[in-house]
N, C-alpha and C. Protein backbone atom coordinates (compact mmCIF):
# COMPACT_ATOMS: atom_id res chain seq x y z
N MET A 1 39.12 -35.78 -53.77
CA MET A 1 38.01 -36.46 -53.18
C MET A 1 36.70 -36.13 -53.88
N LYS A 2 36.54 -34.83 -54.08
CA LYS A 2 35.29 -34.45 -54.70
C LYS A 2 35.14 -35.07 -56.07
N GLY A 3 36.17 -35.13 -56.83
CA GLY A 3 36.13 -35.71 -58.15
C GLY A 3 35.78 -37.20 -58.09
N ARG A 4 36.34 -37.84 -57.09
CA ARG A 4 36.07 -39.26 -56.95
C ARG A 4 34.62 -39.49 -56.56
N LEU A 5 34.07 -38.70 -55.66
CA LEU A 5 32.67 -38.84 -55.25
C LEU A 5 31.75 -38.55 -56.42
N CYS A 6 32.11 -37.55 -57.16
CA CYS A 6 31.30 -37.20 -58.32
C CYS A 6 31.31 -38.33 -59.34
N TYR A 7 32.48 -38.92 -59.52
CA TYR A 7 32.59 -40.03 -60.46
C TYR A 7 31.74 -41.22 -59.98
N LEU A 8 31.80 -41.57 -58.71
CA LEU A 8 31.01 -42.68 -58.16
C LEU A 8 29.52 -42.36 -58.24
N GLY A 9 29.16 -41.10 -58.01
CA GLY A 9 27.75 -40.71 -58.08
C GLY A 9 27.22 -40.88 -59.49
N THR A 10 28.02 -40.50 -60.50
CA THR A 10 27.60 -40.64 -61.88
C THR A 10 27.48 -42.11 -62.25
N ARG A 11 28.41 -42.87 -61.75
CA ARG A 11 28.38 -44.31 -62.05
C ARG A 11 27.13 -44.96 -61.45
N ARG A 12 26.77 -44.56 -60.23
CA ARG A 12 25.56 -45.10 -59.61
C ARG A 12 24.33 -44.69 -60.40
N ALA A 13 24.31 -43.47 -60.86
CA ALA A 13 23.17 -42.98 -61.63
C ALA A 13 23.04 -43.79 -62.92
N LEU A 14 24.14 -44.05 -63.59
CA LEU A 14 24.10 -44.86 -64.80
C LEU A 14 23.67 -46.29 -64.50
N THR A 15 24.17 -46.83 -63.39
CA THR A 15 23.82 -48.19 -63.02
C THR A 15 22.34 -48.29 -62.71
N GLN A 16 21.79 -47.32 -62.01
CA GLN A 16 20.36 -47.34 -61.70
C GLN A 16 19.54 -47.17 -62.97
N GLY A 17 20.00 -46.33 -63.88
CA GLY A 17 19.30 -46.17 -65.15
C GLY A 17 19.34 -47.45 -65.96
N MET A 18 20.49 -48.12 -65.94
CA MET A 18 20.61 -49.39 -66.66
C MET A 18 19.70 -50.45 -66.04
N ARG A 19 19.59 -50.45 -64.72
CA ARG A 19 18.71 -51.42 -64.07
C ARG A 19 17.26 -51.19 -64.48
N SER A 20 16.87 -49.94 -64.54
CA SER A 20 15.51 -49.62 -64.97
C SER A 20 15.30 -50.08 -66.40
N PHE A 21 16.27 -49.81 -67.25
CA PHE A 21 16.18 -50.24 -68.64
C PHE A 21 16.11 -51.76 -68.73
N GLN A 22 16.91 -52.45 -67.93
CA GLN A 22 16.89 -53.91 -67.94
C GLN A 22 15.53 -54.45 -67.49
N LYS A 23 14.95 -53.85 -66.48
CA LYS A 23 13.63 -54.27 -66.01
C LYS A 23 12.58 -54.09 -67.10
N ILE A 24 12.64 -52.94 -67.76
CA ILE A 24 11.68 -52.66 -68.84
C ILE A 24 11.89 -53.64 -69.99
N ALA A 25 13.13 -53.91 -70.34
CA ALA A 25 13.42 -54.83 -71.45
C ALA A 25 12.95 -56.24 -71.12
N VAL A 26 13.20 -56.69 -69.90
CA VAL A 26 12.75 -58.01 -69.50
C VAL A 26 11.23 -58.08 -69.53
N PHE A 27 10.59 -57.06 -69.03
CA PHE A 27 9.12 -57.02 -69.04
C PHE A 27 8.58 -57.06 -70.47
N ALA A 28 9.19 -56.30 -71.37
CA ALA A 28 8.75 -56.28 -72.77
C ALA A 28 8.94 -57.65 -73.43
N LEU A 29 10.08 -58.28 -73.16
CA LEU A 29 10.31 -59.61 -73.72
C LEU A 29 9.32 -60.63 -73.16
N ALA A 30 9.07 -60.55 -71.88
CA ALA A 30 8.11 -61.49 -71.26
C ALA A 30 6.72 -61.28 -71.83
N LEU A 31 6.33 -60.03 -72.03
CA LEU A 31 5.02 -59.72 -72.59
C LEU A 31 4.93 -60.24 -74.03
N GLY A 32 5.97 -60.02 -74.80
CA GLY A 32 5.98 -60.52 -76.17
C GLY A 32 5.92 -62.04 -76.22
N PHE A 33 6.62 -62.69 -75.33
CA PHE A 33 6.59 -64.15 -75.27
C PHE A 33 5.20 -64.65 -74.89
N ALA A 34 4.57 -63.97 -73.91
CA ALA A 34 3.24 -64.38 -73.47
C ALA A 34 2.23 -64.24 -74.60
N VAL A 35 2.32 -63.17 -75.36
CA VAL A 35 1.40 -62.97 -76.49
C VAL A 35 1.64 -64.05 -77.54
N GLY A 36 2.89 -64.36 -77.82
CA GLY A 36 3.21 -65.40 -78.80
C GLY A 36 2.71 -66.76 -78.35
N VAL A 37 2.88 -67.08 -77.09
CA VAL A 37 2.42 -68.37 -76.56
C VAL A 37 0.91 -68.44 -76.58
N SER A 38 0.23 -67.35 -76.22
CA SER A 38 -1.23 -67.38 -76.20
C SER A 38 -1.79 -67.50 -77.62
N ALA A 39 -1.10 -66.94 -78.60
CA ALA A 39 -1.55 -67.07 -79.99
C ALA A 39 -1.41 -68.52 -80.45
N GLN A 40 -0.32 -69.16 -80.06
CA GLN A 40 -0.14 -70.57 -80.41
C GLN A 40 -1.15 -71.43 -79.66
N THR A 41 -1.43 -71.08 -78.44
CA THR A 41 -2.38 -71.84 -77.64
C THR A 41 -3.78 -71.72 -78.21
N ALA A 42 -4.15 -70.53 -78.67
CA ALA A 42 -5.48 -70.34 -79.24
C ALA A 42 -5.65 -71.19 -80.50
N GLY A 43 -4.65 -71.22 -81.34
CA GLY A 43 -4.71 -72.04 -82.54
C GLY A 43 -4.80 -73.52 -82.21
N GLN A 44 -4.02 -73.93 -81.21
CA GLN A 44 -4.06 -75.34 -80.80
C GLN A 44 -5.40 -75.67 -80.17
N ASP A 45 -5.99 -74.72 -79.45
CA ASP A 45 -7.31 -74.94 -78.86
C ASP A 45 -8.35 -75.17 -79.95
N LEU A 46 -8.26 -74.41 -81.03
CA LEU A 46 -9.20 -74.61 -82.14
C LEU A 46 -9.02 -75.98 -82.78
N LYS A 47 -7.77 -76.39 -82.94
CA LYS A 47 -7.52 -77.72 -83.50
C LYS A 47 -8.08 -78.80 -82.58
N ASN A 48 -7.83 -78.65 -81.29
CA ASN A 48 -8.33 -79.64 -80.33
C ASN A 48 -9.85 -79.69 -80.34
N ALA A 49 -10.49 -78.53 -80.46
CA ALA A 49 -11.96 -78.49 -80.50
C ALA A 49 -12.46 -79.23 -81.73
N GLY A 50 -11.79 -79.06 -82.86
CA GLY A 50 -12.18 -79.76 -84.08
C GLY A 50 -12.04 -81.27 -83.93
N HIS A 51 -10.93 -81.71 -83.32
CA HIS A 51 -10.72 -83.14 -83.12
C HIS A 51 -11.77 -83.71 -82.15
N ASP A 52 -12.06 -82.96 -81.09
CA ASP A 52 -13.05 -83.41 -80.12
C ASP A 52 -14.43 -83.53 -80.74
N THR A 53 -14.77 -82.56 -81.60
CA THR A 53 -16.07 -82.60 -82.28
C THR A 53 -16.16 -83.81 -83.19
N LYS A 54 -15.08 -84.08 -83.91
CA LYS A 54 -15.05 -85.24 -84.81
C LYS A 54 -15.23 -86.52 -84.01
N GLN A 55 -14.53 -86.64 -82.89
CA GLN A 55 -14.62 -87.85 -82.08
C GLN A 55 -16.02 -88.00 -81.49
N ALA A 56 -16.64 -86.90 -81.08
CA ALA A 56 -18.00 -86.96 -80.54
C ALA A 56 -18.98 -87.42 -81.60
N ALA A 57 -18.82 -86.96 -82.83
CA ALA A 57 -19.70 -87.38 -83.92
C ALA A 57 -19.52 -88.87 -84.20
N LYS A 58 -18.29 -89.35 -84.18
CA LYS A 58 -18.04 -90.78 -84.39
C LYS A 58 -18.68 -91.61 -83.28
N ASN A 59 -18.52 -91.17 -82.04
CA ASN A 59 -19.10 -91.90 -80.92
C ASN A 59 -20.62 -91.93 -81.01
N THR A 60 -21.21 -90.81 -81.41
CA THR A 60 -22.67 -90.75 -81.55
C THR A 60 -23.13 -91.70 -82.65
N GLY A 61 -22.42 -91.72 -83.77
CA GLY A 61 -22.76 -92.63 -84.86
C GLY A 61 -22.69 -94.08 -84.42
N HIS A 62 -21.67 -94.43 -83.66
CA HIS A 62 -21.53 -95.80 -83.19
C HIS A 62 -22.67 -96.14 -82.23
N ALA A 63 -23.04 -95.21 -81.37
CA ALA A 63 -24.12 -95.46 -80.41
C ALA A 63 -25.45 -95.65 -81.14
N VAL A 64 -25.70 -94.83 -82.14
CA VAL A 64 -26.95 -94.95 -82.92
C VAL A 64 -26.98 -96.29 -83.64
N SER A 65 -25.85 -96.68 -84.22
CA SER A 65 -25.77 -97.95 -84.93
C SER A 65 -26.04 -99.12 -83.97
N LYS A 66 -25.45 -99.07 -82.81
CA LYS A 66 -25.65 -100.13 -81.83
C LYS A 66 -27.10 -100.18 -81.37
N GLY A 67 -27.70 -99.01 -81.15
CA GLY A 67 -29.10 -98.94 -80.73
C GLY A 67 -30.03 -99.49 -81.81
N ALA A 68 -29.74 -99.17 -83.06
CA ALA A 68 -30.58 -99.65 -84.16
C ALA A 68 -30.48 -101.17 -84.28
N LYS A 69 -29.27 -101.70 -84.13
CA LYS A 69 -29.09 -103.16 -84.21
C LYS A 69 -29.82 -103.86 -83.07
N THR A 70 -29.73 -103.29 -81.88
CA THR A 70 -30.42 -103.88 -80.72
C THR A 70 -31.92 -103.86 -80.94
N ALA A 71 -32.44 -102.73 -81.40
CA ALA A 71 -33.89 -102.61 -81.64
C ALA A 71 -34.35 -103.60 -82.70
N ALA A 72 -33.59 -103.76 -83.76
CA ALA A 72 -33.95 -104.70 -84.83
C ALA A 72 -33.95 -106.13 -84.31
N ARG A 73 -32.94 -106.46 -83.52
CA ARG A 73 -32.85 -107.82 -82.98
C ARG A 73 -34.02 -108.11 -82.03
N LYS A 74 -34.33 -107.16 -81.17
CA LYS A 74 -35.43 -107.36 -80.22
C LYS A 74 -36.77 -107.42 -80.95
N THR A 75 -36.93 -106.61 -81.97
CA THR A 75 -38.17 -106.65 -82.75
C THR A 75 -38.31 -108.01 -83.44
N LYS A 76 -37.23 -108.49 -84.01
CA LYS A 76 -37.24 -109.80 -84.68
C LYS A 76 -37.62 -110.89 -83.69
N ASN A 77 -36.99 -110.87 -82.52
CA ASN A 77 -37.29 -111.89 -81.52
C ASN A 77 -38.73 -111.78 -81.02
N GLY A 78 -39.23 -110.57 -80.87
CA GLY A 78 -40.62 -110.38 -80.43
C GLY A 78 -41.61 -110.88 -81.46
N VAL A 79 -41.35 -110.58 -82.71
CA VAL A 79 -42.25 -111.04 -83.79
C VAL A 79 -42.21 -112.56 -83.88
N LYS A 80 -41.03 -113.13 -83.78
CA LYS A 80 -40.88 -114.58 -83.84
C LYS A 80 -41.64 -115.24 -82.69
N LYS A 81 -41.47 -114.69 -81.50
CA LYS A 81 -42.16 -115.23 -80.32
C LYS A 81 -43.67 -115.12 -80.48
N GLY A 82 -44.14 -113.97 -80.96
CA GLY A 82 -45.57 -113.77 -81.17
C GLY A 82 -46.13 -114.70 -82.23
N THR A 83 -45.38 -114.89 -83.30
CA THR A 83 -45.81 -115.78 -84.38
C THR A 83 -45.89 -117.22 -83.87
N ASN A 84 -44.88 -117.62 -83.12
CA ASN A 84 -44.89 -118.98 -82.57
C ASN A 84 -46.05 -119.17 -81.60
N ALA A 85 -46.33 -118.17 -80.79
CA ALA A 85 -47.46 -118.26 -79.85
C ALA A 85 -48.77 -118.35 -80.62
N ALA A 86 -48.91 -117.53 -81.64
CA ALA A 86 -50.15 -117.57 -82.44
C ALA A 86 -50.31 -118.92 -83.14
N ALA A 87 -49.23 -119.42 -83.68
CA ALA A 87 -49.29 -120.72 -84.36
C ALA A 87 -49.66 -121.82 -83.37
N SER A 88 -49.10 -121.75 -82.18
CA SER A 88 -49.40 -122.75 -81.16
C SER A 88 -50.87 -122.70 -80.76
N LYS A 89 -51.39 -121.49 -80.57
CA LYS A 89 -52.81 -121.34 -80.21
C LYS A 89 -53.71 -121.79 -81.37
N THR A 90 -53.30 -121.51 -82.56
CA THR A 90 -54.07 -121.95 -83.73
C THR A 90 -54.09 -123.47 -83.77
N GLU A 91 -52.96 -124.07 -83.52
CA GLU A 91 -52.88 -125.53 -83.51
C GLU A 91 -53.76 -126.12 -82.41
N GLN A 92 -53.75 -125.49 -81.25
CA GLN A 92 -54.61 -125.95 -80.16
C GLN A 92 -56.09 -125.83 -80.53
N GLY A 93 -56.45 -124.71 -81.13
CA GLY A 93 -57.83 -124.50 -81.57
C GLY A 93 -58.24 -125.52 -82.61
N THR A 94 -57.36 -125.78 -83.52
CA THR A 94 -57.63 -126.77 -84.57
C THR A 94 -57.82 -128.15 -83.94
N ALA A 95 -57.00 -128.50 -82.96
CA ALA A 95 -57.12 -129.78 -82.27
C ALA A 95 -58.46 -129.88 -81.56
N LYS A 96 -58.91 -128.78 -80.93
CA LYS A 96 -60.21 -128.79 -80.26
C LYS A 96 -61.34 -129.01 -81.23
N VAL A 97 -61.29 -128.31 -82.34
CA VAL A 97 -62.34 -128.42 -83.35
C VAL A 97 -62.34 -129.86 -83.88
N LYS A 98 -61.17 -130.39 -84.09
CA LYS A 98 -61.06 -131.76 -84.61
C LYS A 98 -61.66 -132.76 -83.63
N GLN A 99 -61.39 -132.56 -82.34
CA GLN A 99 -61.95 -133.45 -81.32
C GLN A 99 -63.48 -133.35 -81.27
N LYS A 100 -63.99 -132.14 -81.42
CA LYS A 100 -65.42 -131.92 -81.35
C LYS A 100 -66.13 -132.52 -82.56
N THR A 101 -65.49 -132.54 -83.67
CA THR A 101 -66.12 -133.05 -84.89
C THR A 101 -65.99 -134.57 -85.00
N GLN A 102 -65.24 -135.19 -84.22
CA GLN A 102 -65.10 -136.65 -84.34
C GLN A 102 -66.12 -137.38 -83.54
């Protein structure tokens, strides 16, 4: 009996030691995996930041281009309207002078 109890006790001690070793091994593997994943994530984050910056610069360029075109068109229309108004007033003034001199 004693031999059998001693044998079971040793087996339990080995099993508990193995469980501790398994827990430590799993923890070490999980930690290594987490570090590897975070390193890949950091690199991908940098790539994403570069792509986002590029896209923001393109969007800004398009907005500036659109604003410049709108400003040019409105300026052209304003100048045209002002020129036509001035020409019309000049024509009216000329007509008045012509009437007065006749």
